[in-house]
Amino acid sequence: MNKLKNSFNTHDKYCIKKKLCYLVDYKNINILLNYLSLRGKILPRKISKLTNKKQRLIKIALKRARTLSLLSFDKIQ
């Protein structure tokens, strides 16, 4: 019974990039571009396959990069 309980309790199996929390920074534009659509919108969690915490880190980093004009608010060229 204990083995079944532990196997269903892991949430990291849904997260593609486990080390993403260390790489998320507003200066890493190459990583942030992976989580933007072609129109410049932030991809939702169901598409990006991230956990809630990592999705929030991506959102904060994208907003900082946009306000510092490292990324544009419009379409990606």
PDB file of N, CA and C in Angstrom:
ATOM      1  N   MET A   1       0.817  -1.193   0.000  1.00  0.00           N
ATOM      2  CA  MET A   1       0.000   0.000   0.000  1.00  0.00           C
ATOM      3  C   MET A   1       0.858   1.253   0.000  1.00  0.00           C
ATOM      4  N   ASN A   2       1.978   1.217   0.734  1.00  0.00           N
ATOM      5  CA  ASN A   2       2.850   2.376   0.776  1.00  0.00           C
ATOM      6  C   ASN A   2       3.464   2.691  -0.579  1.00  0.00           C
ATOM      7  N   LYS A   3       3.791   1.665  -1.344  1.00  0.00           N
ATOM      8  CA  LYS A   3       4.399   1.875  -2.650  1.00  0.00           C
ATOM      9  C   LYS A   3       3.425   2.556  -3.602  1.00  0.00           C
ATOM     10  N   LEU A   4       2.163   2.190  -3.534  1.00  0.00           N
ATOM     11  CA  LEU A   4       1.165   2.822  -4.399  1.00  0.00           C
ATOM     12  C   LEU A   4       0.958   4.285  -4.025  1.00  0.00           C
ATOM     13  N   LYS A   5       0.960   4.566  -2.756  1.00  0.00           N
ATOM     14  CA  LYS A   5       0.727   5.934  -2.305  1.00  0.00           C
ATOM     15  C   LYS A   5       1.863   6.850  -2.756  1.00  0.00           C
ATOM     16  N   ASN A   6       3.099   6.379  -2.671  1.00  0.00           N
ATOM     17  CA  ASN A   6       4.238   7.188  -3.071  1.00  0.00           C
ATOM     18  C   ASN A   6       4.320   7.391  -4.575  1.00  0.00           C
ATOM     19  N   SER A   7       3.871   6.423  -5.350  1.00  0.00           N
ATOM     20  CA  SER A   7       3.975   6.554  -6.798  1.00  0.00           C
ATOM     21  C   SER A   7       2.986   7.578  -7.338  1.00  0.00           C
ATOM     22  N   PHE A   8       1.840   7.746  -6.693  1.00  0.00           N
ATOM     23  CA  PHE A   8       0.869   8.721  -7.169  1.00  0.00           C
ATOM     24  C   PHE A   8       1.130  10.112  -6.606  1.00  0.00           C
ATOM     25  N   ASN A   9       1.991  10.210  -5.629  1.00  0.00           N
ATOM     26  CA  ASN A   9       2.207  11.479  -4.952  1.00  0.00           C
ATOM     27  C   ASN A   9       3.259  12.346  -5.630  1.00  0.00           C
ATOM     28  N   THR A  10       4.002  11.831  -6.579  1.00  0.00           N
ATOM     29  CA  THR A  10       5.063  12.614  -7.204  1.00  0.00           C
ATOM     30  C   THR A  10       4.464  13.546  -8.245  1.00  0.00           C
ATOM     31  N   HIS A  11       4.855  14.805  -8.192  1.00  0.00           N
ATOM     32  CA  HIS A  11       4.374  15.783  -9.161  1.00  0.00           C
ATOM     33  C   HIS A  11       5.443  16.141 -10.177  1.00  0.00           C
ATOM     34  N   ASP A  12       6.669  15.671  -9.980  1.00  0.00           N
ATOM     35  CA  ASP A  12       7.747  16.001 -10.901  1.00  0.00           C
ATOM     36  C   ASP A  12       7.669  15.220 -12.205  1.00  0.00           C
ATOM     37  N   LYS A  13       6.830  14.201 -12.278  1.00  0.00           N
ATOM     38  CA  LYS A  13       6.739  13.447 -13.519  1.00  0.00           C
ATOM     39  C   LYS A  13       6.075  14.258 -14.620  1.00  0.00           C
ATOM     40  N   TYR A  14       5.348  15.307 -14.250  1.00  0.00           N
ATOM     41  CA  TYR A  14       4.708  16.147 -15.248  1.00  0.00           C
ATOM     42  C   TYR A  14       5.625  17.261 -15.732  1.00  0.00           C
ATOM     43  N   CYS A  15       6.635  17.563 -14.968  1.00  0.00           N
ATOM     44  CA  CYS A  15       7.524  18.668 -15.300  1.00  0.00           C
ATOM     45  C   CYS A  15       8.618  18.184 -16.245  1.00  0.00           C
ATOM     46  N   ILE A  16       8.741  18.823 -17.384  1.00  0.00           N
ATOM     47  CA  ILE A  16       9.733  18.409 -18.377  1.00  0.00           C
ATOM     48  C   ILE A  16      11.127  18.829 -17.951  1.00  0.00           C
ATOM     49  N   LYS A  17      11.268  20.071 -17.544  1.00  0.00           N
ATOM     50  CA  LYS A  17      12.582  20.601 -17.190  1.00  0.00           C
ATOM     51  C   LYS A  17      12.676  20.714 -15.676  1.00  0.00           C
ATOM     52  N   LYS A  18      13.353  19.759 -15.045  1.00  0.00           N
ATOM     53  CA  LYS A  18      13.429  19.743 -13.589  1.00  0.00           C
ATOM     54  C   LYS A  18      14.381  20.806 -13.056  1.00  0.00           C
ATOM     55  N   LYS A  19      15.392  21.167 -13.817  1.00  0.00           N
ATOM     56  CA  LYS A  19      16.357  22.159 -13.357  1.00  0.00           C
ATOM     57  C   LYS A  19      16.004  23.555 -13.843  1.00  0.00           C
ATOM     58  N   LEU A  20      14.777  23.760 -14.266  1.00  0.00           N
ATOM     59  CA  LEU A  20      14.378  25.040 -14.835  1.00  0.00           C
ATOM     60  C   LEU A  20      14.399  26.156 -13.810  1.00  0.00           C
ATOM     61  N   CYS A  21      14.125  25.848 -12.541  1.00  0.00           N
ATOM     62  CA  CYS A  21      14.061  26.897 -11.531  1.00  0.00           C
ATOM     63  C   CYS A  21      15.423  27.554 -11.325  1.00  0.00           C
ATOM     64  N   TYR A  22      16.503  26.857 -11.624  1.00  0.00           N
ATOM     65  CA  TYR A  22      17.819  27.464 -11.502  1.00  0.00           C
ATOM     66  C   TYR A  22      18.171  28.289 -12.734  1.00  0.00           C
ATOM     67  N   LEU A  23      17.566  27.994 -13.867  1.00  0.00           N
ATOM     68  CA  LEU A  23      17.893  28.671 -15.109  1.00  0.00           C
ATOM     69  C   LEU A  23      17.014  29.875 -15.375  1.00  0.00           C
ATOM     70  N   VAL A  24      15.912  30.020 -14.682  1.00  0.00           N
ATOM     71  CA  VAL A  24      14.976  31.099 -14.959  1.00  0.00           C
ATOM     72  C   VAL A  24      15.539  32.412 -14.465  1.00  0.00           C
ATOM     73  N   ASP A  25      15.751  33.305 -15.410  1.00  0.00           N
ATOM     74  CA  ASP A  25      16.227  34.642 -15.107  1.00  0.00           C
ATOM     75  C   ASP A  25      15.786  35.525 -16.263  1.00  0.00           C
ATOM     76  N   TYR A  26      15.565  36.775 -16.013  1.00  0.00           N
ATOM     77  CA  TYR A  26      15.085  37.658 -17.073  1.00  0.00           C
ATOM     78  C   TYR A  26      16.158  37.908 -18.123  1.00  0.00           C
ATOM     79  N   LYS A  27      17.413  37.586 -17.818  1.00  0.00           N
ATOM     80  CA  LYS A  27      18.497  37.792 -18.778  1.00  0.00           C
ATOM     81  C   LYS A  27      18.656  36.615 -19.746  1.00  0.00           C
ATOM     82  N   ASN A  28      18.122  35.449 -19.412  1.00  0.00           N
ATOM     83  CA  ASN A  28      18.196  34.263 -20.280  1.00  0.00           C
ATOM     84  C   ASN A  28      17.066  34.304 -21.303  1.00  0.00           C
ATOM     85  N   ILE A  29      17.260  35.066 -22.359  1.00  0.00           N
ATOM     86  CA  ILE A  29      16.192  35.262 -23.342  1.00  0.00           C
ATOM     87  C   ILE A  29      15.945  33.996 -24.151  1.00  0.00           C
ATOM     88  N   ASN A  30      16.980  33.204 -24.400  1.00  0.00           N
ATOM     89  CA  ASN A  30      16.807  31.974 -25.181  1.00  0.00           C
ATOM     90  C   ASN A  30      15.868  30.993 -24.479  1.00  0.00           C
ATOM     91  N   ILE A  31      15.940  30.912 -23.176  1.00  0.00           N
ATOM     92  CA  ILE A  31      15.055  30.023 -22.426  1.00  0.00           C
ATOM     93  C   ILE A  31      13.644  30.590 -22.392  1.00  0.00           C
ATOM     94  N   LEU A  32      13.528  31.898 -22.220  1.00  0.00           N
ATOM     95  CA  LEU A  32      12.209  32.519 -22.121  1.00  0.00           C
ATOM     96  C   LEU A  32      11.440  32.461 -23.436  1.00  0.00           C
ATOM     97  N   LEU A  33      12.136  32.470 -24.550  1.00  0.00           N
ATOM     98  CA  LEU A  33      11.465  32.414 -25.849  1.00  0.00           C
ATOM     99  C   LEU A  33      10.755  31.080 -26.078  1.00  0.00           C
ATOM    100  N   ASN A  34      11.191  30.034 -25.372  1.00  0.00           N
ATOM    101  CA  ASN A  34      10.529  28.731 -25.500  1.00  0.00           C
ATOM    102  C   ASN A  34       9.131  28.733 -24.907  1.00  0.00           C
ATOM    103  N   TYR A  35       8.843  29.669 -24.032  1.00  0.00           N
ATOM    104  CA  TYR A  35       7.558  29.708 -23.344  1.00  0.00           C
ATOM    105  C   TYR A  35       6.668  30.839 -23.831  1.00  0.00           C
ATOM    106  N   LEU A  36       6.967  31.378 -25.017  1.00  0.00           N
ATOM    107  CA  LEU A  36       6.127  32.379 -25.657  1.00  0.00           C
ATOM    108  C   LEU A  36       5.554  31.813 -26.939  1.00  0.00           C
ATOM    109  N   SER A  37       4.315  32.206 -27.248  1.00  0.00           N
ATOM    110  CA  SER A  37       3.732  31.807 -28.519  1.00  0.00           C
ATOM    111  C   SER A  37       4.250  32.727 -29.614  1.00  0.00           C
ATOM    112  N   LEU A  38       3.861  32.468 -30.847  1.00  0.00           N
ATOM    113  CA  LEU A  38       4.311  33.302 -31.957  1.00  0.00           C
ATOM    114  C   LEU A  38       3.727  34.711 -31.883  1.00  0.00           C
ATOM    115  N   ARG A  39       2.637  34.870 -31.192  1.00  0.00           N
ATOM    116  CA  ARG A  39       2.032  36.190 -31.013  1.00  0.00           C
ATOM    117  C   ARG A  39       2.596  36.934 -29.815  1.00  0.00           C
ATOM    118  N   GLY A  40       3.459  36.297 -29.038  1.00  0.00           N
ATOM    119  CA  GLY A  40       4.080  36.944 -27.897  1.00  0.00           C
ATOM    120  C   GLY A  40       3.364  36.691 -26.591  1.00  0.00           C
ATOM    121  N   LYS A  41       2.412  35.774 -26.573  1.00  0.00           N
ATOM    122  CA  LYS A  41       1.691  35.465 -25.345  1.00  0.00           C
ATOM    123  C   LYS A  41       2.400  34.354 -24.580  1.00  0.00           C
ATOM    124  N   ILE A  42       2.217  34.359 -23.275  1.00  0.00           N
ATOM    125  CA  ILE A  42       2.810  33.332 -22.421  1.00  0.00           C
ATOM    126  C   ILE A  42       2.006  32.044 -22.566  1.00  0.00           C
ATOM    127  N   LEU A  43       2.706  30.934 -22.788  1.00  0.00           N
ATOM    128  CA  LEU A  43       2.021  29.649 -22.945  1.00  0.00           C
ATOM    129  C   LEU A  43       1.428  29.198 -21.618  1.00  0.00           C
ATOM    130  N   PRO A  44       0.248  28.582 -21.641  1.00  0.00           N
ATOM    131  CA  PRO A  44      -0.348  28.091 -20.396  1.00  0.00           C
ATOM    132  C   PRO A  44       0.370  26.853 -19.873  1.00  0.00           C
ATOM    133  N   ARG A  45       0.042  26.499 -18.642  1.00  0.00           N
ATOM    134  CA  ARG A  45       0.693  25.367 -17.979  1.00  0.00           C
ATOM    135  C   ARG A  45       0.440  24.050 -18.678  1.00  0.00           C
ATOM    136  N   LYS A  46      -0.738  23.873 -19.232  1.00  0.00           N
ATOM    137  CA  LYS A  46      -1.062  22.595 -19.865  1.00  0.00           C
ATOM    138  C   LYS A  46      -0.227  22.355 -21.116  1.00  0.00           C
ATOM    139  N   ILE A  47       0.153  23.408 -21.786  1.00  0.00           N
ATOM    140  CA  ILE A  47       0.960  23.259 -22.993  1.00  0.00           C
ATOM    141  C   ILE A  47       2.443  23.190 -22.639  1.00  0.00           C
ATOM    142  N   SER A  48       2.891  24.034 -21.719  1.00  0.00           N
ATOM    143  CA  SER A  48       4.312  24.072 -21.385  1.00  0.00           C
ATOM    144  C   SER A  48       4.735  22.929 -20.466  1.00  0.00           C
ATOM    145  N   LYS A  49       3.767  22.244 -19.842  1.00  0.00           N
ATOM    146  CA  LYS A  49       4.037  21.088 -18.965  1.00  0.00           C
ATOM    147  C   LYS A  49       4.915  21.449 -17.773  1.00  0.00           C
ATOM    148  N   LEU A  50       4.673  22.624 -17.185  1.00  0.00           N
ATOM    149  CA  LEU A  50       5.431  23.049 -16.022  1.00  0.00           C
ATOM    150  C   LEU A  50       4.578  22.953 -14.768  1.00  0.00           C
ATOM    151  N   THR A  51       5.236  22.932 -13.630  1.00  0.00           N
ATOM    152  CA  THR A  51       4.497  22.982 -12.375  1.00  0.00           C
ATOM    153  C   THR A  51       4.052  24.416 -12.120  1.00  0.00           C
ATOM    154  N   ASN A  52       3.197  24.588 -11.137  1.00  0.00           N
ATOM    155  CA  ASN A  52       2.646  25.907 -10.846  1.00  0.00           C
ATOM    156  C   ASN A  52       3.741  26.878 -10.405  1.00  0.00           C
ATOM    157  N   LYS A  53       4.656  26.416  -9.605  1.00  0.00           N
ATOM    158  CA  LYS A  53       5.730  27.265  -9.106  1.00  0.00           C
ATOM    159  C   LYS A  53       6.651  27.722 -10.242  1.00  0.00           C
ATOM    160  N   LYS A  54       6.998  26.803 -11.122  1.00  0.00           N
ATOM    161  CA  LYS A  54       7.890  27.144 -12.222  1.00  0.00           C
ATOM    162  C   LYS A  54       7.197  28.019 -13.262  1.00  0.00           C
ATOM    163  N   GLN A  55       5.891  27.847 -13.420  1.00  0.00           N
ATOM    164  CA  GLN A  55       5.141  28.708 -14.325  1.00  0.00           C
ATOM    165  C   GLN A  55       5.130  30.149 -13.799  1.00  0.00           C
ATOM    166  N   ARG A  56       5.014  30.313 -12.488  1.00  0.00           N
ATOM    167  CA  ARG A  56       5.053  31.652 -11.903  1.00  0.00           C
ATOM    168  C   ARG A  56       6.427  32.293 -12.096  1.00  0.00           C
ATOM    169  N   LEU A  57       7.498  31.493 -11.954  1.00  0.00           N
ATOM    170  CA  LEU A  57       8.843  32.023 -12.159  1.00  0.00           C
ATOM    171  C   LEU A  57       9.045  32.482 -13.603  1.00  0.00           C
ATOM    172  N   ILE A  58       8.511  31.714 -14.545  1.00  0.00           N
ATOM    173  CA  ILE A  58       8.588  32.090 -15.966  1.00  0.00           C
ATOM    174  C   ILE A  58       7.822  33.379 -16.198  1.00  0.00           C
ATOM    175  N   LYS A  59       6.637  33.495 -15.608  1.00  0.00           N
ATOM    176  CA  LYS A  59       5.804  34.677 -15.805  1.00  0.00           C
ATOM    177  C   LYS A  59       6.493  35.929 -15.281  1.00  0.00           C
ATOM    178  N   ILE A  60       7.092  35.839 -14.107  1.00  0.00           N
ATOM    179  CA  ILE A  60       7.774  36.984 -13.519  1.00  0.00           C
ATOM    180  C   ILE A  60       8.988  37.380 -14.356  1.00  0.00           C
ATOM    181  N   ALA A  61       9.753  36.388 -14.813  1.00  0.00           N
ATOM    182  CA  ALA A  61      10.938  36.680 -15.617  1.00  0.00           C
ATOM    183  C   ALA A  61      10.569  37.296 -16.960  1.00  0.00           C
ATOM    184  N   LEU A  62       9.475  36.825 -17.570  1.00  0.00           N
ATOM    185  CA  LEU A  62       9.038  37.392 -18.843  1.00  0.00           C
ATOM    186  C   LEU A  62       8.577  38.837 -18.681  1.00  0.00           C
ATOM    187  N   LYS A  63       7.870  39.119 -17.612  1.00  0.00           N
ATOM    188  CA  LYS A  63       7.409  40.484 -17.390  1.00  0.00           C
ATOM    189  C   LYS A  63       8.580  41.426 -17.130  1.00  0.00           C
ATOM    190  N   ARG A  64       9.574  40.961 -16.407  1.00  0.00           N
ATOM    191  CA  ARG A  64      10.760  41.800 -16.168  1.00  0.00           C
ATOM    192  C   ARG A  64      11.528  42.051 -17.456  1.00  0.00           C
ATOM    193  N   ALA A  65      11.674  41.015 -18.275  1.00  0.00           N
ATOM    194  CA  ALA A  65      12.397  41.176 -19.542  1.00  0.00           C
ATOM    195  C   ALA A  65      11.649  42.114 -20.480  1.00  0.00           C
ATOM    196  N   ARG A  66      10.320  42.089 -20.442  1.00  0.00           N
ATOM    197  CA  ARG A  66       9.554  42.989 -21.292  1.00  0.00           C
ATOM    198  C   ARG A  66       9.659  44.432 -20.826  1.00  0.00           C
ATOM    199  N   THR A  67       9.636  44.666 -19.530  1.00  0.00           N
ATOM    200  CA  THR A  67       9.723  46.044 -19.045  1.00  0.00           C
ATOM    201  C   THR A  67      11.117  46.629 -19.249  1.00  0.00           C
ATOM    202  N   LEU A  68      12.133  45.787 -19.273  1.00  0.00           N
ATOM    203  CA  LEU A  68      13.486  46.262 -19.552  1.00  0.00           C
ATOM    204  C   LEU A  68      13.789  46.279 -21.044  1.00  0.00           C
ATOM    205  N   SER A  69      12.772  46.002 -21.850  1.00  0.00           N
ATOM    206  CA  SER A  69      12.825  45.974 -23.321  1.00  0.00           C
ATOM    207  C   SER A  69      13.843  44.971 -23.856  1.00  0.00           C
ATOM    208  N   LEU A  70      14.051  43.881 -23.153  1.00  0.00           N
ATOM    209  CA  LEU A  70      14.837  42.778 -23.685  1.00  0.00           C
ATOM    210  C   LEU A  70      13.996  41.910 -24.617  1.00  0.00           C
ATOM    211  N   LEU A  71      12.687  41.879 -24.346  1.00  0.00           N
ATOM    212  CA  LEU A  71      11.709  41.203 -25.200  1.00  0.00           C
ATOM    213  C   LEU A  71      10.639  42.211 -25.587  1.00  0.00           C
ATOM    214  N   SER A  72      10.030  41.955 -26.727  1.00  0.00           N
ATOM    215  CA  SER A  72       8.975  42.868 -27.153  1.00  0.00           C
ATOM    216  C   SER A  72       7.625  42.394 -26.617  1.00  0.00           C
ATOM    217  N   PHE A  73       6.679  43.305 -26.556  1.00  0.00           N
ATOM    218  CA  PHE A  73       5.330  42.970 -26.121  1.00  0.00           C
ATOM    219  C   PHE A  73       4.524  42.390 -27.276  1.00  0.00           C
ATOM    220  N   ASP A  74       4.953  42.616 -28.501  1.00  0.00           N
ATOM    221  CA  ASP A  74       4.220  42.191 -29.696  1.00  0.00           C
ATOM    222  C   ASP A  74       4.691  40.836 -30.161  1.00  0.00           C
ATOM    223  N   LYS A  75       4.450  40.573 -31.441  1.00  0.00           N
ATOM    224  CA  LYS A  75       4.852  39.313 -32.045  1.00  0.00           C
ATOM    225  C   LYS A  75       6.362  39.132 -32.009  1.00  0.00           C
ATOM    226  N   ILE A  76       6.782  37.883 -32.002  1.00  0.00           N
ATOM    227  CA  ILE A  76       8.204  37.560 -32.070  1.00  0.00           C
ATOM    228  C   ILE A  76       8.610  37.597 -33.527  1.00  0.00           C
ATOM    229  N   GLN A  77       9.716  38.256 -33.808  1.00  0.00           N
ATOM    230  CA  GLN A  77      10.138  38.408 -35.209  1.00  0.00           C
ATOM    231  C   GLN A  77      11.086  37.336 -35.633  1.00  0.00           C
TER     232      GLN A  77
END
